[in-house]
Amino acid sequence: MASLFDISASGMSAERFRMDTISNNVANASTTRQPDGTQMPYKRQTVVTSPRRPFKHYIEGFRRKDIPPGGGDGVKVDSVVADPAPPKMVYDPGHPDADPDTGIVAMPNVNVVNEMVGLISASRPYEANVTVFNESKNIMARALDIGRT
């Protein structure tokens, strides 16, 4: 039972980290300078996750009969990587970071609509993991009640 809590908690943690990263992308959707003042647009960040143990581990364990089928250890956040897409080039001669000759500004490669879709797609697994966590608590409480009688 404890592994159910661990698995769903790892999923909630990973999805929460993904939602935080998406929020950071939206907050920096118009940032054209780095924190040190360098004129370079913000680069969209994405989260890379993976299983805590490789799937191959479960296949081998299933063959040896020491790991039951469907078992898992949850997920972990491997890294946060910058999106390699080029910045959006926008004509805005009044912008302080616009090229003086062309009036073009290099804007971040963040599409707010896509980020909102990503936020919704991260919130659904988070909610599912919350449901699994709560139902696991209910099952454990019922099992304890059965043991008392």
N, C-alpha and C. Protein backbone atom coordinates (compact mmCIF):
# COMPACT_ATOMS: atom_id res chain seq x y z
N MET A 1 0.81 -1.20 0.00
CA MET A 1 0.00 0.00 0.00
C MET A 1 0.85 1.26 0.00
N ALA A 2 1.94 1.21 0.73
CA ALA A 2 2.80 2.40 0.82
C ALA A 2 3.35 2.77 -0.55
N SER A 3 3.58 1.77 -1.41
CA SER A 3 4.11 2.08 -2.74
C SER A 3 3.08 2.85 -3.56
N LEU A 4 1.78 2.61 -3.34
CA LEU A 4 0.76 3.39 -4.04
C LEU A 4 0.86 4.86 -3.69
N PHE A 5 1.07 5.14 -2.41
CA PHE A 5 1.24 6.53 -1.99
C PHE A 5 2.47 7.15 -2.64
N ASP A 6 3.56 6.39 -2.67
CA ASP A 6 4.82 6.87 -3.23
C ASP A 6 4.69 7.13 -4.73
N ILE A 7 4.03 6.21 -5.43
CA ILE A 7 3.88 6.35 -6.88
C ILE A 7 3.02 7.56 -7.21
N SER A 8 1.86 7.68 -6.55
CA SER A 8 0.99 8.82 -6.86
C SER A 8 1.61 10.14 -6.40
N ALA A 9 2.34 10.12 -5.30
CA ALA A 9 3.02 11.34 -4.85
C ALA A 9 4.10 11.77 -5.84
N SER A 10 4.82 10.80 -6.41
CA SER A 10 5.85 11.16 -7.39
C SER A 10 5.22 11.76 -8.64
N GLY A 11 4.06 11.21 -9.04
CA GLY A 11 3.34 11.77 -10.19
C GLY A 11 2.85 13.17 -9.92
N MET A 12 2.30 13.39 -8.72
CA MET A 12 1.83 14.74 -8.37
C MET A 12 2.99 15.72 -8.35
N SER A 13 4.12 15.29 -7.80
CA SER A 13 5.28 16.17 -7.72
C SER A 13 5.79 16.54 -9.11
N ALA A 14 5.87 15.56 -10.00
CA ALA A 14 6.35 15.82 -11.35
C ALA A 14 5.41 16.75 -12.11
N GLU A 15 4.10 16.50 -11.99
CA GLU A 15 3.14 17.35 -12.70
C GLU A 15 3.11 18.76 -12.10
N ARG A 16 3.27 18.87 -10.81
CA ARG A 16 3.33 20.19 -10.17
C ARG A 16 4.55 20.97 -10.67
N PHE A 17 5.67 20.29 -10.80
CA PHE A 17 6.88 20.92 -11.31
C PHE A 17 6.65 21.38 -12.76
N ARG A 18 5.96 20.54 -13.54
CA ARG A 18 5.65 20.89 -14.92
C ARG A 18 4.74 22.13 -14.97
N MET A 19 3.73 22.18 -14.07
CA MET A 19 2.84 23.35 -14.03
C MET A 19 3.60 24.60 -13.62
N ASP A 20 4.54 24.47 -12.69
CA ASP A 20 5.35 25.62 -12.28
C ASP A 20 6.21 26.13 -13.44
N THR A 21 6.76 25.20 -14.21
CA THR A 21 7.59 25.58 -15.36
C THR A 21 6.75 26.28 -16.42
N ILE A 22 5.54 25.77 -16.66
CA ILE A 22 4.64 26.41 -17.62
C ILE A 22 4.27 27.82 -17.14
N SER A 23 4.01 27.97 -15.85
CA SER A 23 3.69 29.30 -15.30
C SER A 23 4.86 30.26 -15.50
N ASN A 24 6.07 29.76 -15.33
CA ASN A 24 7.26 30.58 -15.56
C ASN A 24 7.35 31.00 -17.02
N ASN A 25 7.02 30.08 -17.93
CA ASN A 25 7.03 30.42 -19.36
C ASN A 25 6.04 31.53 -19.67
N VAL A 26 4.82 31.41 -19.12
CA VAL A 26 3.79 32.43 -19.37
C VAL A 26 4.22 33.77 -18.78
N ALA A 27 4.80 33.73 -17.59
CA ALA A 27 5.24 34.97 -16.94
C ALA A 27 6.33 35.67 -17.74
N ASN A 28 7.12 34.91 -18.48
CA ASN A 28 8.23 35.50 -19.25
C ASN A 28 7.94 35.58 -20.74
N ALA A 29 6.68 35.53 -21.13
CA ALA A 29 6.29 35.52 -22.54
C ALA A 29 6.68 36.79 -23.29
N SER A 30 6.99 37.85 -22.58
CA SER A 30 7.41 39.09 -23.26
C SER A 30 8.76 39.60 -22.75
N THR A 31 9.53 38.74 -22.12
CA THR A 31 10.83 39.13 -21.58
C THR A 31 11.89 39.09 -22.69
N THR A 32 12.47 40.24 -22.98
CA THR A 32 13.46 40.32 -24.07
C THR A 32 14.89 40.47 -23.56
N ARG A 33 15.06 40.48 -22.25
CA ARG A 33 16.41 40.59 -21.67
C ARG A 33 16.61 39.53 -20.61
N GLN A 34 17.86 39.12 -20.44
CA GLN A 34 18.23 38.18 -19.38
C GLN A 34 18.34 38.94 -18.07
N PRO A 35 18.33 38.23 -16.93
CA PRO A 35 18.44 38.92 -15.62
C PRO A 35 19.67 39.80 -15.49
N ASP A 36 20.75 39.45 -16.18
CA ASP A 36 21.96 40.26 -16.09
C ASP A 36 21.95 41.47 -17.02
N GLY A 37 20.84 41.68 -17.75
CA GLY A 37 20.72 42.83 -18.64
C GLY A 37 21.08 42.54 -20.08
N THR A 38 21.58 41.35 -20.36
CA THR A 38 21.93 40.99 -21.73
C THR A 38 20.68 40.97 -22.60
N GLN A 39 20.78 41.57 -23.78
CA GLN A 39 19.64 41.61 -24.68
C GLN A 39 19.51 40.28 -25.41
N MET A 40 18.78 39.36 -24.80
CA MET A 40 18.51 38.05 -25.38
C MET A 40 17.15 37.61 -24.85
N PRO A 41 16.23 37.21 -25.74
CA PRO A 41 14.89 36.85 -25.28
C PRO A 41 14.90 35.57 -24.44
N TYR A 42 13.92 35.47 -23.56
CA TYR A 42 13.71 34.28 -22.73
C TYR A 42 13.46 33.09 -23.65
N LYS A 43 14.00 31.94 -23.28
CA LYS A 43 13.75 30.70 -24.03
C LYS A 43 12.77 29.84 -23.25
N ARG A 44 11.76 29.38 -23.92
CA ARG A 44 10.75 28.52 -23.31
C ARG A 44 11.41 27.29 -22.70
N GLN A 45 10.96 26.90 -21.51
CA GLN A 45 11.51 25.74 -20.81
C GLN A 45 10.53 24.57 -20.88
N THR A 46 11.05 23.37 -20.98
CA THR A 46 10.22 22.17 -20.94
C THR A 46 10.81 21.21 -19.92
N VAL A 47 9.96 20.40 -19.33
CA VAL A 47 10.36 19.44 -18.30
C VAL A 47 10.50 18.06 -18.93
N VAL A 48 11.59 17.38 -18.59
CA VAL A 48 11.82 16.01 -19.07
C VAL A 48 11.68 15.08 -17.87
N THR A 49 10.78 14.10 -17.99
CA THR A 49 10.56 13.14 -16.91
C THR A 49 10.87 11.73 -17.41
N SER A 50 11.06 10.83 -16.48
CA SER A 50 11.29 9.43 -16.83
C SER A 50 10.86 8.56 -15.66
N PRO A 51 10.65 7.25 -15.90
CA PRO A 51 10.33 6.36 -14.79
C PRO A 51 11.51 6.27 -13.83
N ARG A 52 11.21 6.05 -12.56
CA ARG A 52 12.30 5.92 -11.59
C ARG A 52 13.18 4.72 -11.91
N ARG A 53 12.57 3.67 -12.39
CA ARG A 53 13.33 2.50 -12.84
C ARG A 53 12.97 2.22 -14.28
N PRO A 54 13.92 1.75 -15.08
CA PRO A 54 13.61 1.47 -16.48
C PRO A 54 12.57 0.36 -16.60
N PHE A 55 11.75 0.43 -17.64
CA PHE A 55 10.72 -0.57 -17.87
C PHE A 55 11.32 -1.97 -18.00
N LYS A 56 12.52 -2.05 -18.54
CA LYS A 56 13.21 -3.33 -18.70
C LYS A 56 13.33 -4.06 -17.36
N HIS A 57 13.52 -3.30 -16.28
CA HIS A 57 13.61 -3.87 -14.94
C HIS A 57 12.34 -4.66 -14.60
N TYR A 58 11.18 -4.14 -14.97
CA TYR A 58 9.92 -4.81 -14.65
C TYR A 58 9.71 -6.05 -15.52
N ILE A 59 10.11 -5.99 -16.77
CA ILE A 59 9.98 -7.16 -17.64
C ILE A 59 10.83 -8.30 -17.10
N GLU A 60 12.08 -7.99 -16.75
CA GLU A 60 12.95 -9.03 -16.20
C GLU A 60 12.41 -9.57 -14.87
N GLY A 61 11.90 -8.70 -14.02
CA GLY A 61 11.33 -9.12 -12.74
C GLY A 61 10.09 -9.97 -12.92
N PHE A 62 9.28 -9.65 -13.91
CA PHE A 62 8.08 -10.43 -14.19
C PHE A 62 8.46 -11.84 -14.63
N ARG A 63 9.50 -11.94 -15.45
CA ARG A 63 9.97 -13.26 -15.90
C ARG A 63 10.50 -14.09 -14.72
N ARG A 64 11.18 -13.42 -13.78
CA ARG A 64 11.72 -14.12 -12.60
C ARG A 64 10.67 -14.33 -11.54
N LYS A 65 9.50 -13.71 -11.70
CA LYS A 65 8.37 -13.80 -10.75
C LYS A 65 8.62 -13.07 -9.44
N ASP A 66 9.62 -12.17 -9.36
CA ASP A 66 9.84 -11.46 -8.10
C ASP A 66 9.26 -10.05 -8.10
N ILE A 67 8.79 -9.56 -9.26
CA ILE A 67 8.10 -8.28 -9.32
C ILE A 67 6.75 -8.54 -9.97
N PRO A 68 5.66 -8.23 -9.30
CA PRO A 68 4.34 -8.50 -9.88
C PRO A 68 4.10 -7.62 -11.11
N PRO A 69 3.27 -8.11 -12.05
CA PRO A 69 2.98 -7.29 -13.23
C PRO A 69 2.26 -6.01 -12.84
N GLY A 70 2.54 -4.95 -13.55
CA GLY A 70 1.90 -3.68 -13.29
C GLY A 70 2.56 -2.87 -12.18
N GLY A 71 3.58 -3.42 -11.55
CA GLY A 71 4.27 -2.70 -10.49
C GLY A 71 5.05 -1.54 -11.05
N GLY A 72 5.27 -0.54 -10.24
CA GLY A 72 6.04 0.61 -10.70
C GLY A 72 6.61 1.37 -9.54
N ASP A 73 7.50 2.24 -9.83
CA ASP A 73 8.14 3.05 -8.80
C ASP A 73 7.83 4.52 -8.95
N GLY A 74 7.01 4.87 -9.90
CA GLY A 74 6.69 6.28 -10.10
C GLY A 74 7.58 6.93 -11.13
N VAL A 75 7.60 8.24 -11.07
CA VAL A 75 8.31 9.03 -12.08
C VAL A 75 9.18 10.07 -11.39
N LYS A 76 10.19 10.51 -12.10
CA LYS A 76 11.09 11.54 -11.58
C LYS A 76 11.32 12.60 -12.64
N VAL A 77 11.65 13.79 -12.20
CA VAL A 77 12.00 14.87 -13.12
C VAL A 77 13.48 14.74 -13.41
N ASP A 78 13.81 14.56 -14.69
CA ASP A 78 15.22 14.44 -15.07
C ASP A 78 15.89 15.80 -15.23
N SER A 79 15.23 16.68 -15.97
CA SER A 79 15.85 17.97 -16.22
C SER A 79 14.82 18.96 -16.77
N VAL A 80 15.25 20.19 -16.84
CA VAL A 80 14.49 21.24 -17.50
C VAL A 80 15.37 21.72 -18.64
N VAL A 81 14.83 21.67 -19.85
CA VAL A 81 15.63 22.04 -21.02
C VAL A 81 14.99 23.22 -21.75
N ALA A 82 15.83 24.00 -22.37
CA ALA A 82 15.35 25.15 -23.15
C ALA A 82 14.87 24.66 -24.52
N ASP A 83 13.76 25.20 -24.96
CA ASP A 83 13.20 24.87 -26.27
C ASP A 83 14.14 25.46 -27.33
N PRO A 84 14.59 24.62 -28.30
CA PRO A 84 15.55 25.13 -29.29
C PRO A 84 14.92 25.99 -30.39
N ALA A 85 13.62 26.18 -30.37
CA ALA A 85 12.96 26.98 -31.41
C ALA A 85 13.53 28.41 -31.40
N PRO A 86 13.63 28.99 -32.58
CA PRO A 86 14.17 30.36 -32.64
C PRO A 86 13.19 31.36 -32.03
N PRO A 87 13.68 32.52 -31.63
CA PRO A 87 12.77 33.54 -31.10
C PRO A 87 11.85 34.07 -32.19
N LYS A 88 10.71 34.61 -31.77
CA LYS A 88 9.79 35.24 -32.73
C LYS A 88 10.33 36.62 -33.05
N MET A 89 10.39 36.96 -34.31
CA MET A 89 10.86 38.27 -34.73
C MET A 89 9.63 39.14 -35.00
N VAL A 90 9.51 40.21 -34.22
CA VAL A 90 8.33 41.08 -34.27
C VAL A 90 8.75 42.50 -34.63
N TYR A 91 8.00 43.10 -35.54
CA TYR A 91 8.26 44.49 -35.90
C TYR A 91 7.60 45.39 -34.86
N ASP A 92 8.43 46.09 -34.09
CA ASP A 92 7.95 47.02 -33.07
C ASP A 92 9.02 48.08 -32.86
N PRO A 93 9.05 49.10 -33.73
CA PRO A 93 10.13 50.10 -33.66
C PRO A 93 10.13 50.91 -32.36
N GLY A 94 9.04 50.95 -31.61
CA GLY A 94 8.99 51.70 -30.37
C GLY A 94 9.50 50.92 -29.16
N HIS A 95 9.79 49.65 -29.35
CA HIS A 95 10.27 48.81 -28.24
C HIS A 95 11.71 49.19 -27.91
N PRO A 96 12.08 49.25 -26.61
CA PRO A 96 13.45 49.66 -26.25
C PRO A 96 14.52 48.69 -26.76
N ASP A 97 14.16 47.43 -27.01
CA ASP A 97 15.15 46.46 -27.49
C ASP A 97 15.08 46.23 -29.00
N ALA A 98 14.35 47.08 -29.71
CA ALA A 98 14.24 46.94 -31.16
C ALA A 98 15.55 47.32 -31.83
N ASP A 99 15.84 46.61 -32.91
CA ASP A 99 17.01 46.94 -33.72
C ASP A 99 16.81 48.35 -34.28
N PRO A 100 17.78 49.25 -34.10
CA PRO A 100 17.57 50.65 -34.55
C PRO A 100 17.37 50.79 -36.06
N ASP A 101 17.92 49.87 -36.84
CA ASP A 101 17.81 49.99 -38.30
C ASP A 101 16.51 49.38 -38.83
N THR A 102 16.12 48.22 -38.29
CA THR A 102 14.95 47.51 -38.84
C THR A 102 13.70 47.64 -37.98
N GLY A 103 13.84 47.94 -36.71
CA GLY A 103 12.68 48.03 -35.82
C GLY A 103 12.17 46.67 -35.37
N ILE A 104 12.97 45.64 -35.59
CA ILE A 104 12.55 44.27 -35.25
C ILE A 104 13.08 43.91 -33.86
N VAL A 105 12.22 43.26 -33.08
CA VAL A 105 12.56 42.82 -31.73
C VAL A 105 12.52 41.29 -31.70
N ALA A 106 13.53 40.69 -31.09
CA ALA A 106 13.54 39.24 -30.88
C ALA A 106 12.74 38.97 -29.61
N MET A 107 11.58 38.31 -29.76
CA MET A 107 10.69 38.01 -28.64
C MET A 107 10.84 36.53 -28.26
N PRO A 108 10.47 36.17 -27.03
CA PRO A 108 10.57 34.78 -26.59
C PRO A 108 9.76 33.83 -27.47
N ASN A 109 10.21 32.59 -27.52
CA ASN A 109 9.53 31.57 -28.32
C ASN A 109 8.40 30.90 -27.53
N VAL A 110 7.68 31.69 -26.76
CA VAL A 110 6.59 31.20 -25.92
C VAL A 110 5.26 31.54 -26.59
N ASN A 111 4.43 30.53 -26.80
CA ASN A 111 3.08 30.72 -27.32
C ASN A 111 2.14 30.49 -26.13
N VAL A 112 1.49 31.54 -25.67
CA VAL A 112 0.68 31.47 -24.46
C VAL A 112 -0.46 30.47 -24.61
N VAL A 113 -1.05 30.38 -25.79
CA VAL A 113 -2.15 29.42 -26.00
C VAL A 113 -1.64 27.99 -25.83
N ASN A 114 -0.48 27.68 -26.41
CA ASN A 114 0.09 26.34 -26.25
C ASN A 114 0.45 26.08 -24.79
N GLU A 115 0.91 27.08 -24.09
CA GLU A 115 1.25 26.92 -22.68
C GLU A 115 0.00 26.61 -21.86
N MET A 116 -1.11 27.25 -22.18
CA MET A 116 -2.35 26.98 -21.46
C MET A 116 -2.85 25.56 -21.73
N VAL A 117 -2.69 25.09 -22.95
CA VAL A 117 -3.03 23.70 -23.26
C VAL A 117 -2.12 22.77 -22.45
N GLY A 118 -0.84 23.09 -22.36
CA GLY A 118 0.08 22.29 -21.56
C GLY A 118 -0.29 22.31 -20.09
N LEU A 119 -0.77 23.45 -19.61
CA LEU A 119 -1.19 23.56 -18.21
C LEU A 119 -2.39 22.65 -17.93
N ILE A 120 -3.33 22.63 -18.85
CA ILE A 120 -4.49 21.74 -18.70
C ILE A 120 -4.06 20.28 -18.77
N SER A 121 -3.15 19.96 -19.70
CA SER A 121 -2.70 18.57 -19.83
C SER A 121 -1.82 18.13 -18.66
N ALA A 122 -1.27 19.06 -17.90
CA ALA A 122 -0.53 18.71 -16.69
C ALA A 122 -1.45 18.60 -15.49
N SER A 123 -2.53 19.37 -15.50
CA SER A 123 -3.44 19.34 -14.35
C SER A 123 -4.27 18.06 -14.32
N ARG A 124 -4.57 17.47 -15.46
CA ARG A 124 -5.37 16.23 -15.49
C ARG A 124 -4.65 15.06 -14.81
N PRO A 125 -3.40 14.77 -15.14
CA PRO A 125 -2.72 13.68 -14.41
C PRO A 125 -2.52 14.01 -12.94
N TYR A 126 -2.33 15.29 -12.63
CA TYR A 126 -2.20 15.69 -11.23
C TYR A 126 -3.48 15.32 -10.48
N GLU A 127 -4.62 15.69 -11.06
CA GLU A 127 -5.91 15.37 -10.43
C GLU A 127 -6.11 13.87 -10.31
N ALA A 128 -5.71 13.11 -11.33
CA ALA A 128 -5.84 11.65 -11.29
C ALA A 128 -4.99 11.07 -10.16
N ASN A 129 -3.80 11.60 -9.98
CA ASN A 129 -2.93 11.12 -8.91
C ASN A 129 -3.48 11.49 -7.53
N VAL A 130 -4.12 12.64 -7.42
CA VAL A 130 -4.76 13.01 -6.15
C VAL A 130 -5.88 12.02 -5.84
N THR A 131 -6.66 11.65 -6.86
CA THR A 131 -7.74 10.68 -6.67
C THR A 131 -7.19 9.33 -6.23
N VAL A 132 -6.12 8.87 -6.87
CA VAL A 132 -5.51 7.59 -6.48
C VAL A 132 -5.00 7.66 -5.05
N PHE A 133 -4.36 8.75 -4.70
CA PHE A 133 -3.83 8.92 -3.34
C PHE A 133 -4.96 8.86 -2.31
N ASN A 134 -6.04 9.61 -2.57
CA ASN A 134 -7.16 9.63 -1.63
C ASN A 134 -7.87 8.29 -1.54
N GLU A 135 -8.05 7.61 -2.66
CA GLU A 135 -8.69 6.30 -2.63
C GLU A 135 -7.80 5.28 -1.92
N SER A 136 -6.50 5.40 -2.07
CA SER A 136 -5.58 4.51 -1.35
C SER A 136 -5.72 4.73 0.16
N LYS A 137 -5.87 5.99 0.57
CA LYS A 137 -6.10 6.27 1.99
C LYS A 137 -7.39 5.64 2.47
N ASN A 138 -8.45 5.76 1.66
CA ASN A 138 -9.74 5.18 2.03
C ASN A 138 -9.66 3.66 2.15
N ILE A 139 -8.98 3.02 1.21
CA ILE A 139 -8.84 1.56 1.24
C ILE A 139 -8.06 1.14 2.49
N MET A 140 -6.99 1.87 2.79
CA MET A 140 -6.19 1.53 3.97
C MET A 140 -7.01 1.72 5.25
N ALA A 141 -7.81 2.77 5.30
CA ALA A 141 -8.65 3.01 6.48
C ALA A 141 -9.69 1.91 6.63
N ARG A 142 -10.28 1.48 5.51
CA ARG A 142 -11.26 0.39 5.57
C ARG A 142 -10.61 -0.92 6.02
N ALA A 143 -9.40 -1.17 5.54
CA ALA A 143 -8.69 -2.39 5.94
C ALA A 143 -8.40 -2.37 7.43
N LEU A 144 -8.05 -1.21 7.96
CA LEU A 144 -7.81 -1.11 9.41
C LEU A 144 -9.10 -1.33 10.20
N ASP A 145 -10.21 -0.81 9.66
CA ASP A 145 -11.50 -1.02 10.33
C ASP A 145 -11.87 -2.50 10.34
N ILE A 146 -11.61 -3.20 9.26
CA ILE A 146 -11.90 -4.63 9.18
C ILE A 146 -11.05 -5.38 10.21
N GLY A 147 -9.79 -4.96 10.33
CA GLY A 147 -8.87 -5.61 11.28
C GLY A 147 -9.29 -5.41 12.72
N ARG A 148 -9.99 -4.32 13.02
CA ARG A 148 -10.42 -4.03 14.38
C ARG A 148 -11.61 -4.88 14.82
N THR A 149 -12.42 -5.31 13.87
CA THR A 149 -13.62 -6.06 14.23
C THR A 149 -13.40 -7.55 14.31
